[in-house]
Amino acid sequence: MKIRKTTEEDFVRVMEIYAAARDFMARTGNPNQWGLTHWPPEALIHDDIKEGSSYVCVNDDGKVVAVFYYVQGKDIEPIYRDITEGAWLNDSAYGVIHRIASDGTEKGIGRFCINWASKQCSHLRIDTHPDNKVMQNLLSGLGFVRCGIVHVEEDDHPRYAYERIQV
């Protein structure tokens, strides 16, 4: 498995993967995170590709099997500026992972993507819907700490905010 930047040629496949992920989330008790708004919208994915923040996982057969968003810097995620019911562990530069999605054909994709991001930046932040038990279990298993609640613009559901700083 390898990770590379997403290209416009990957767009149709990426949208297929997001559709598969929405279906998986609905079947595993999380229909609201992406399902009600048909998240993520096509325009956002095009923007992610243009800015160079979208990445795909390619299996050994050359097939794109997963996609995610990653960016790093100081205070780079506006929704993370307002955290309630807790606080971030520190305010140094961090990497942000969003929109991890898989077509379901390969196991361990979330772990693979997060481990890749950890090699880019030892301080990571990520958020997820309260119903997304699969992601919450993955994050806890990878040593992330739930720090509080953040709110996204696309819906009224709060998100659990997680952070991990590796030394």
N, C-alpha and C. Protein backbone atom coordinates (compact mmCIF):
# COMPACT_ATOMS: atom_id res chain seq x y z
N MET A 1 0.85 -1.18 0.00
CA MET A 1 0.00 0.00 0.00
C MET A 1 0.89 1.23 0.00
N LYS A 2 0.48 2.24 -0.78
CA LYS A 2 1.21 3.50 -0.76
C LYS A 2 0.21 4.66 -0.73
N ILE A 3 0.72 5.80 -0.32
CA ILE A 3 -0.09 7.02 -0.27
C ILE A 3 0.51 8.02 -1.22
N ARG A 4 -0.35 8.68 -1.98
CA ARG A 4 0.09 9.74 -2.88
C ARG A 4 -0.98 10.83 -2.90
N LYS A 5 -0.62 11.99 -3.43
CA LYS A 5 -1.59 13.08 -3.56
C LYS A 5 -2.67 12.67 -4.57
N THR A 6 -3.88 13.10 -4.29
CA THR A 6 -5.01 12.84 -5.18
C THR A 6 -4.89 13.74 -6.40
N THR A 7 -5.24 13.20 -7.56
CA THR A 7 -5.28 13.99 -8.79
C THR A 7 -6.73 14.11 -9.26
N GLU A 8 -6.98 15.00 -10.17
CA GLU A 8 -8.33 15.13 -10.74
C GLU A 8 -8.75 13.84 -11.44
N GLU A 9 -7.79 13.09 -11.96
CA GLU A 9 -8.12 11.81 -12.59
C GLU A 9 -8.70 10.81 -11.58
N ASP A 10 -8.42 11.01 -10.31
CA ASP A 10 -8.94 10.14 -9.24
C ASP A 10 -10.34 10.54 -8.78
N PHE A 11 -10.85 11.68 -9.24
CA PHE A 11 -12.06 12.26 -8.67
C PHE A 11 -13.25 11.30 -8.64
N VAL A 12 -13.57 10.68 -9.76
CA VAL A 12 -14.74 9.78 -9.80
C VAL A 12 -14.56 8.65 -8.79
N ARG A 13 -13.37 8.08 -8.75
CA ARG A 13 -13.11 6.98 -7.80
C ARG A 13 -13.24 7.47 -6.36
N VAL A 14 -12.72 8.65 -6.07
CA VAL A 14 -12.82 9.22 -4.73
C VAL A 14 -14.28 9.37 -4.31
N MET A 15 -15.11 9.86 -5.21
CA MET A 15 -16.52 10.03 -4.88
C MET A 15 -17.21 8.68 -4.67
N GLU A 16 -16.78 7.65 -5.40
CA GLU A 16 -17.29 6.29 -5.17
C GLU A 16 -16.91 5.82 -3.77
N ILE A 17 -15.69 6.11 -3.36
CA ILE A 17 -15.22 5.70 -2.03
C ILE A 17 -16.01 6.42 -0.95
N TYR A 18 -16.28 7.71 -1.13
CA TYR A 18 -17.08 8.42 -0.14
C TYR A 18 -18.50 7.85 -0.06
N ALA A 19 -19.06 7.46 -1.19
CA ALA A 19 -20.40 6.83 -1.17
C ALA A 19 -20.36 5.52 -0.40
N ALA A 20 -19.32 4.72 -0.62
CA ALA A 20 -19.18 3.46 0.12
C ALA A 20 -19.01 3.72 1.61
N ALA A 21 -18.28 4.76 1.96
CA ALA A 21 -18.07 5.10 3.37
C ALA A 21 -19.37 5.56 4.02
N ARG A 22 -20.17 6.35 3.31
CA ARG A 22 -21.47 6.77 3.85
C ARG A 22 -22.35 5.56 4.13
N ASP A 23 -22.34 4.60 3.21
CA ASP A 23 -23.12 3.38 3.38
C ASP A 23 -22.62 2.60 4.60
N PHE A 24 -21.31 2.45 4.73
CA PHE A 24 -20.73 1.73 5.86
C PHE A 24 -21.10 2.42 7.17
N MET A 25 -20.99 3.74 7.21
CA MET A 25 -21.32 4.46 8.45
C MET A 25 -22.78 4.26 8.81
N ALA A 26 -23.66 4.32 7.83
CA ALA A 26 -25.08 4.13 8.11
C ALA A 26 -25.34 2.73 8.65
N ARG A 27 -24.67 1.72 8.09
CA ARG A 27 -24.87 0.34 8.54
C ARG A 27 -24.27 0.06 9.91
N THR A 28 -23.32 0.90 10.36
CA THR A 28 -22.67 0.67 11.65
C THR A 28 -23.11 1.68 12.71
N GLY A 29 -24.30 2.26 12.55
CA GLY A 29 -24.87 3.12 13.58
C GLY A 29 -24.50 4.59 13.51
N ASN A 30 -23.97 5.03 12.37
CA ASN A 30 -23.56 6.42 12.23
C ASN A 30 -24.13 7.01 10.93
N PRO A 31 -25.46 7.10 10.82
CA PRO A 31 -26.04 7.62 9.58
C PRO A 31 -25.99 9.13 9.43
N ASN A 32 -25.71 9.85 10.52
CA ASN A 32 -25.83 11.31 10.49
C ASN A 32 -24.55 12.05 10.14
N GLN A 33 -23.38 11.45 10.32
CA GLN A 33 -22.14 12.20 10.14
C GLN A 33 -22.00 12.72 8.71
N TRP A 34 -22.19 11.88 7.74
CA TRP A 34 -22.08 12.30 6.34
C TRP A 34 -23.36 12.08 5.56
N GLY A 35 -24.23 11.21 6.07
CA GLY A 35 -25.38 10.77 5.29
C GLY A 35 -26.42 11.83 5.01
N LEU A 36 -26.78 12.60 6.01
CA LEU A 36 -27.86 13.57 5.82
C LEU A 36 -27.50 14.69 4.87
N THR A 37 -26.23 15.05 4.83
CA THR A 37 -25.79 16.16 3.97
C THR A 37 -25.08 15.66 2.71
N HIS A 38 -25.02 14.33 2.54
CA HIS A 38 -24.31 13.72 1.41
C HIS A 38 -22.87 14.23 1.35
N TRP A 39 -22.27 14.30 2.53
CA TRP A 39 -20.92 14.83 2.72
C TRP A 39 -19.89 13.84 2.21
N PRO A 40 -18.78 14.27 1.71
CA PRO A 40 -18.39 15.65 1.38
C PRO A 40 -18.86 16.05 -0.01
N PRO A 41 -19.12 17.34 -0.20
CA PRO A 41 -19.59 17.81 -1.50
C PRO A 41 -18.47 17.78 -2.55
N GLU A 42 -18.86 17.61 -3.79
CA GLU A 42 -17.90 17.53 -4.89
C GLU A 42 -16.99 18.75 -4.95
N ALA A 43 -17.55 19.94 -4.75
CA ALA A 43 -16.74 21.16 -4.84
C ALA A 43 -15.61 21.15 -3.81
N LEU A 44 -15.88 20.65 -2.60
CA LEU A 44 -14.86 20.59 -1.56
C LEU A 44 -13.74 19.63 -1.97
N ILE A 45 -14.09 18.50 -2.55
CA ILE A 45 -13.07 17.54 -2.97
C ILE A 45 -12.21 18.14 -4.09
N HIS A 46 -12.83 18.83 -5.03
CA HIS A 46 -12.04 19.52 -6.07
C HIS A 46 -11.09 20.53 -5.44
N ASP A 47 -11.57 21.29 -4.45
CA ASP A 47 -10.72 22.26 -3.75
C ASP A 47 -9.56 21.57 -3.02
N ASP A 48 -9.85 20.46 -2.34
CA ASP A 48 -8.81 19.70 -1.65
C ASP A 48 -7.72 19.26 -2.62
N ILE A 49 -8.14 18.77 -3.78
CA ILE A 49 -7.18 18.31 -4.78
C ILE A 49 -6.33 19.48 -5.27
N LYS A 50 -6.98 20.61 -5.59
CA LYS A 50 -6.26 21.79 -6.08
C LYS A 50 -5.24 22.29 -5.06
N GLU A 51 -5.61 22.29 -3.78
CA GLU A 51 -4.69 22.81 -2.76
C GLU A 51 -3.63 21.78 -2.35
N GLY A 52 -3.75 20.55 -2.85
CA GLY A 52 -2.75 19.53 -2.57
C GLY A 52 -2.89 18.89 -1.20
N SER A 53 -4.11 18.91 -0.63
CA SER A 53 -4.34 18.36 0.71
C SER A 53 -5.13 17.07 0.70
N SER A 54 -5.46 16.57 -0.47
CA SER A 54 -6.18 15.30 -0.57
C SER A 54 -5.18 14.22 -0.96
N TYR A 55 -5.31 13.07 -0.29
CA TYR A 55 -4.40 11.95 -0.51
C TYR A 55 -5.22 10.68 -0.74
N VAL A 56 -4.68 9.79 -1.56
CA VAL A 56 -5.31 8.49 -1.77
C VAL A 56 -4.36 7.39 -1.35
N CYS A 57 -4.94 6.26 -0.95
CA CYS A 57 -4.21 5.03 -0.68
C CYS A 57 -4.38 4.13 -1.90
N VAL A 58 -3.27 3.66 -2.41
CA VAL A 58 -3.28 2.80 -3.58
C VAL A 58 -2.76 1.43 -3.17
N ASN A 59 -3.54 0.38 -3.47
CA ASN A 59 -3.12 -0.96 -3.07
C ASN A 59 -2.02 -1.48 -4.00
N ASP A 60 -1.55 -2.67 -3.73
CA ASP A 60 -0.46 -3.25 -4.50
C ASP A 60 -0.83 -3.53 -5.95
N ASP A 61 -2.14 -3.60 -6.23
CA ASP A 61 -2.60 -3.80 -7.60
C ASP A 61 -2.79 -2.47 -8.35
N GLY A 62 -2.48 -1.35 -7.68
CA GLY A 62 -2.61 -0.04 -8.30
C GLY A 62 -3.99 0.57 -8.21
N LYS A 63 -4.88 -0.03 -7.42
CA LYS A 63 -6.24 0.48 -7.29
C LYS A 63 -6.34 1.45 -6.11
N VAL A 64 -7.01 2.57 -6.33
CA VAL A 64 -7.28 3.53 -5.26
C VAL A 64 -8.36 2.93 -4.37
N VAL A 65 -8.04 2.72 -3.09
CA VAL A 65 -8.97 2.06 -2.17
C VAL A 65 -9.39 2.96 -1.00
N ALA A 66 -8.75 4.12 -0.85
CA ALA A 66 -9.10 5.01 0.25
C ALA A 66 -8.67 6.43 -0.07
N VAL A 67 -9.23 7.36 0.68
CA VAL A 67 -8.93 8.78 0.49
C VAL A 67 -8.98 9.47 1.85
N PHE A 68 -8.21 10.53 2.00
CA PHE A 68 -8.28 11.35 3.21
C PHE A 68 -7.69 12.73 2.93
N TYR A 69 -7.99 13.64 3.83
CA TYR A 69 -7.49 15.02 3.78
C TYR A 69 -6.44 15.16 4.86
N TYR A 70 -5.33 15.83 4.52
CA TYR A 70 -4.29 16.08 5.52
C TYR A 70 -3.63 17.42 5.22
N VAL A 71 -3.43 18.20 6.28
CA VAL A 71 -2.70 19.47 6.18
C VAL A 71 -2.06 19.72 7.54
N GLN A 72 -0.98 20.47 7.57
CA GLN A 72 -0.35 20.78 8.85
C GLN A 72 0.11 22.23 8.89
N GLY A 73 0.21 22.75 10.11
CA GLY A 73 0.66 24.12 10.32
C GLY A 73 0.20 24.62 11.67
N LYS A 74 0.36 25.89 11.89
CA LYS A 74 -0.02 26.53 13.15
C LYS A 74 -1.44 27.09 13.02
N ASP A 75 -2.34 26.65 13.90
CA ASP A 75 -3.71 27.17 13.94
C ASP A 75 -4.39 27.08 12.58
N ILE A 76 -4.29 25.92 11.93
CA ILE A 76 -4.74 25.79 10.55
C ILE A 76 -6.20 25.39 10.38
N GLU A 77 -6.81 24.86 11.43
CA GLU A 77 -8.21 24.44 11.33
C GLU A 77 -9.09 25.40 12.11
N PRO A 78 -9.83 26.28 11.39
CA PRO A 78 -10.64 27.30 12.09
C PRO A 78 -11.62 26.73 13.12
N ILE A 79 -12.24 25.58 12.85
CA ILE A 79 -13.22 25.07 13.82
C ILE A 79 -12.55 24.60 15.10
N TYR A 80 -11.24 24.40 15.08
CA TYR A 80 -10.54 23.94 16.27
C TYR A 80 -10.18 25.09 17.22
N ARG A 81 -10.44 26.32 16.80
CA ARG A 81 -10.14 27.47 17.67
C ARG A 81 -11.12 27.55 18.84
N ASP A 82 -12.33 27.02 18.64
CA ASP A 82 -13.35 27.09 19.68
C ASP A 82 -13.69 25.67 20.12
N ILE A 83 -13.04 25.24 21.20
CA ILE A 83 -13.28 23.91 21.75
C ILE A 83 -13.99 24.08 23.09
N THR A 84 -15.04 23.30 23.30
CA THR A 84 -15.80 23.38 24.55
C THR A 84 -15.68 22.05 25.30
N GLU A 85 -16.07 22.08 26.54
CA GLU A 85 -16.06 20.89 27.40
C GLU A 85 -14.67 20.25 27.46
N GLY A 86 -13.65 21.10 27.44
CA GLY A 86 -12.28 20.61 27.51
C GLY A 86 -11.32 21.61 26.89
N ALA A 87 -10.13 21.14 26.57
CA ALA A 87 -9.10 22.00 25.98
C ALA A 87 -8.09 21.13 25.23
N TRP A 88 -7.45 21.74 24.25
CA TRP A 88 -6.39 21.05 23.54
C TRP A 88 -5.20 20.84 24.47
N LEU A 89 -4.39 19.85 24.16
CA LEU A 89 -3.24 19.53 25.00
C LEU A 89 -2.17 20.61 24.93
N ASN A 90 -1.95 21.19 23.75
CA ASN A 90 -1.07 22.36 23.63
C ASN A 90 -1.40 23.11 22.35
N ASP A 91 -0.75 24.24 22.15
CA ASP A 91 -1.12 25.09 21.01
C ASP A 91 -0.02 25.17 19.95
N SER A 92 0.85 24.17 19.89
CA SER A 92 1.89 24.16 18.86
C SER A 92 1.30 23.78 17.50
N ALA A 93 2.09 23.91 16.46
CA ALA A 93 1.67 23.51 15.12
C ALA A 93 1.24 22.05 15.14
N TYR A 94 0.29 21.71 14.30
CA TYR A 94 -0.27 20.35 14.30
C TYR A 94 -0.67 19.94 12.89
N GLY A 95 -0.86 18.65 12.72
CA GLY A 95 -1.43 18.11 11.49
C GLY A 95 -2.89 17.78 11.72
N VAL A 96 -3.69 17.98 10.70
CA VAL A 96 -5.13 17.71 10.76
C VAL A 96 -5.47 16.62 9.74
N ILE A 97 -6.23 15.64 10.20
CA ILE A 97 -6.73 14.59 9.33
C ILE A 97 -8.24 14.72 9.29
N HIS A 98 -8.79 14.75 8.08
CA HIS A 98 -10.24 14.80 7.89
C HIS A 98 -10.64 13.81 6.81
N ARG A 99 -11.89 13.44 6.83
CA ARG A 99 -12.53 12.72 5.73
C ARG A 99 -11.83 11.43 5.32
N ILE A 100 -11.36 10.64 6.29
CA ILE A 100 -10.80 9.33 5.96
C ILE A 100 -11.94 8.43 5.50
N ALA A 101 -11.78 7.84 4.32
CA ALA A 101 -12.81 6.95 3.79
C ALA A 101 -12.15 5.83 3.00
N SER A 102 -12.77 4.67 3.07
CA SER A 102 -12.25 3.48 2.40
C SER A 102 -13.37 2.82 1.61
N ASP A 103 -12.99 2.06 0.59
CA ASP A 103 -14.00 1.30 -0.15
C ASP A 103 -14.33 -0.02 0.54
N GLY A 104 -13.62 -0.33 1.63
CA GLY A 104 -13.90 -1.52 2.41
C GLY A 104 -13.17 -2.77 1.95
N THR A 105 -12.35 -2.67 0.91
CA THR A 105 -11.67 -3.87 0.40
C THR A 105 -10.38 -4.19 1.12
N GLU A 106 -9.83 -3.23 1.83
CA GLU A 106 -8.57 -3.43 2.56
C GLU A 106 -8.82 -3.15 4.04
N LYS A 107 -8.27 -3.97 4.89
CA LYS A 107 -8.40 -3.77 6.34
C LYS A 107 -7.31 -2.83 6.84
N GLY A 108 -7.60 -2.08 7.91
CA GLY A 108 -6.61 -1.25 8.56
C GLY A 108 -6.28 0.06 7.88
N ILE A 109 -7.18 0.53 7.01
CA ILE A 109 -6.92 1.76 6.26
C ILE A 109 -6.80 2.97 7.19
N GLY A 110 -7.70 3.09 8.16
CA GLY A 110 -7.64 4.24 9.07
C GLY A 110 -6.32 4.29 9.80
N ARG A 111 -5.89 3.17 10.32
CA ARG A 111 -4.59 3.07 11.01
C ARG A 111 -3.45 3.44 10.06
N PHE A 112 -3.51 2.92 8.84
CA PHE A 112 -2.47 3.18 7.85
C PHE A 112 -2.36 4.68 7.56
N CYS A 113 -3.50 5.34 7.36
CA CYS A 113 -3.51 6.78 7.06
C CYS A 113 -3.00 7.61 8.23
N ILE A 114 -3.45 7.27 9.42
CA ILE A 114 -3.02 8.02 10.61
C ILE A 114 -1.54 7.80 10.88
N ASN A 115 -1.05 6.59 10.69
CA ASN A 115 0.39 6.34 10.86
C ASN A 115 1.20 7.13 9.84
N TRP A 116 0.71 7.22 8.61
CA TRP A 116 1.38 8.05 7.60
C TRP A 116 1.41 9.51 8.06
N ALA A 117 0.29 10.02 8.53
CA ALA A 117 0.22 11.41 8.99
C ALA A 117 1.18 11.64 10.16
N SER A 118 1.32 10.64 11.03
CA SER A 118 2.24 10.75 12.17
C SER A 118 3.69 10.92 11.72
N LYS A 119 4.02 10.36 10.57
CA LYS A 119 5.37 10.52 10.03
C LYS A 119 5.59 11.92 9.47
N GLN A 120 4.49 12.60 9.11
CA GLN A 120 4.58 13.96 8.60
C GLN A 120 4.67 14.97 9.74
N CYS A 121 3.97 14.67 10.84
CA CYS A 121 3.88 15.59 11.97
C CYS A 121 3.56 14.79 13.23
N SER A 122 4.32 15.00 14.29
CA SER A 122 4.13 14.21 15.51
C SER A 122 2.97 14.71 16.38
N HIS A 123 2.38 15.82 16.00
CA HIS A 123 1.26 16.40 16.75
C HIS A 123 0.05 16.40 15.82
N LEU A 124 -0.94 15.56 16.11
CA LEU A 124 -2.11 15.42 15.25
C LEU A 124 -3.39 15.76 15.97
N ARG A 125 -4.33 16.31 15.21
CA ARG A 125 -5.69 16.55 15.69
C ARG A 125 -6.67 15.98 14.67
N ILE A 126 -7.78 15.48 15.19
CA ILE A 126 -8.83 14.90 14.35
C ILE A 126 -10.13 14.99 15.14
N ASP A 127 -11.25 15.04 14.43
CA ASP A 127 -12.54 15.04 15.12
C ASP A 127 -13.45 14.02 14.46
N THR A 128 -14.45 13.59 15.21
CA THR A 128 -15.42 12.65 14.67
C THR A 128 -16.77 12.80 15.36
N HIS A 129 -17.77 12.32 14.69
CA HIS A 129 -19.15 12.37 15.18
C HIS A 129 -19.31 11.46 16.41
N PRO A 130 -20.13 11.85 17.38
CA PRO A 130 -20.37 10.99 18.55
C PRO A 130 -20.88 9.59 18.21
N ASP A 131 -21.54 9.43 17.06
CA ASP A 131 -22.04 8.11 16.66
C ASP A 131 -20.98 7.26 15.96
N ASN A 132 -19.84 7.85 15.63
CA ASN A 132 -18.82 7.11 14.88
C ASN A 132 -17.94 6.31 15.84
N LYS A 133 -18.51 5.24 16.35
CA LYS A 133 -17.79 4.39 17.32
C LYS A 133 -16.57 3.72 16.69
N VAL A 134 -16.64 3.40 15.42
CA VAL A 134 -15.50 2.78 14.73
C VAL A 134 -14.29 3.70 14.81
N MET A 135 -14.46 4.97 14.46
CA MET A 135 -13.35 5.93 14.49
C MET A 135 -12.91 6.20 15.92
N GLN A 136 -13.85 6.34 16.84
CA GLN A 136 -13.49 6.58 18.24
C GLN A 136 -12.63 5.46 18.78
N ASN A 137 -12.98 4.21 18.48
CA ASN A 137 -12.19 3.07 18.93
C ASN A 137 -10.80 3.07 18.30
N LEU A 138 -10.73 3.40 17.02
CA LEU A 138 -9.44 3.47 16.35
C LEU A 138 -8.56 4.53 17.01
N LEU A 139 -9.11 5.72 17.22
CA LEU A 139 -8.32 6.81 17.80
C LEU A 139 -7.85 6.46 19.21
N SER A 140 -8.72 5.91 20.02
CA SER A 140 -8.32 5.52 21.38
C SER A 140 -7.20 4.47 21.31
N GLY A 141 -7.34 3.51 20.41
CA GLY A 141 -6.33 2.48 20.26
C GLY A 141 -4.99 2.98 19.78
N LEU A 142 -5.00 4.12 19.10
CA LEU A 142 -3.76 4.72 18.60
C LEU A 142 -3.19 5.78 19.55
N GLY A 143 -3.77 5.89 20.74
CA GLY A 143 -3.22 6.79 21.75
C GLY A 143 -3.71 8.22 21.69
N PHE A 144 -4.79 8.48 20.95
CA PHE A 144 -5.36 9.83 20.93
C PHE A 144 -6.14 10.06 22.21
N VAL A 145 -6.19 11.32 22.64
CA VAL A 145 -6.92 11.73 23.83
C VAL A 145 -8.11 12.56 23.38
N ARG A 146 -9.29 12.24 23.90
CA ARG A 146 -10.45 13.08 23.61
C ARG A 146 -10.34 14.35 24.44
N CYS A 147 -10.29 15.49 23.76
CA CYS A 147 -10.00 16.77 24.42
C CYS A 147 -11.23 17.64 24.65
N GLY A 148 -12.30 17.41 23.94
CA GLY A 148 -13.48 18.26 24.08
C GLY A 148 -14.39 18.12 22.88
N ILE A 149 -15.16 19.19 22.65
CA ILE A 149 -16.17 19.22 21.59
C ILE A 149 -15.86 20.39 20.65
N VAL A 150 -15.97 20.12 19.35
CA VAL A 150 -15.90 21.19 18.34
C VAL A 150 -17.16 21.10 17.50
N HIS A 151 -17.45 22.17 16.77
CA HIS A 151 -18.65 22.21 15.94
C HIS A 151 -18.25 22.52 14.50
N VAL A 152 -18.82 21.74 13.58
CA VAL A 152 -18.55 21.93 12.16
C VAL A 152 -19.65 22.78 11.55
N GLU A 153 -19.35 23.34 10.38
CA GLU A 153 -20.33 24.21 9.72
C GLU A 153 -21.42 23.44 8.99
N GLU A 154 -21.13 22.19 8.57
CA GLU A 154 -22.06 21.50 7.69
C GLU A 154 -23.30 20.94 8.37
N ASP A 155 -23.30 20.81 9.70
CA ASP A 155 -24.50 20.33 10.39
C ASP A 155 -24.48 20.77 11.85
N ASP A 156 -25.53 20.43 12.57
CA ASP A 156 -25.67 20.86 13.97
C ASP A 156 -25.13 19.84 14.96
N HIS A 157 -24.57 18.74 14.47
CA HIS A 157 -24.06 17.70 15.37
C HIS A 157 -22.67 18.07 15.88
N PRO A 158 -22.47 18.02 17.19
CA PRO A 158 -21.13 18.28 17.73
C PRO A 158 -20.17 17.18 17.29
N ARG A 159 -18.88 17.45 17.38
CA ARG A 159 -17.85 16.46 17.06
C ARG A 159 -16.93 16.31 18.26
N TYR A 160 -16.55 15.08 18.54
CA TYR A 160 -15.54 14.83 19.55
C TYR A 160 -14.18 15.20 18.95
N ALA A 161 -13.43 15.99 19.69
CA ALA A 161 -12.12 16.45 19.25
C ALA A 161 -11.03 15.63 19.93
N TYR A 162 -10.12 15.09 19.13
CA TYR A 162 -9.04 14.24 19.62
C TYR A 162 -7.69 14.84 19.24
N GLU A 163 -6.70 14.51 20.08
CA GLU A 163 -5.36 15.01 19.84
C GLU A 163 -4.35 13.97 20.31
N ARG A 164 -3.22 13.91 19.61
CA ARG A 164 -2.12 13.05 20.02
C ARG A 164 -0.81 13.76 19.72
N ILE A 165 0.05 13.77 20.72
CA ILE A 165 1.37 14.37 20.57
C ILE A 165 2.38 13.27 20.87
N GLN A 166 3.17 12.92 19.89
CA GLN A 166 4.20 11.91 20.08
C GLN A 166 5.53 12.60 20.35
N VAL A 167 6.27 12.06 21.27
CA VAL A 167 7.55 12.67 21.63
C VAL A 167 8.70 11.86 21.08
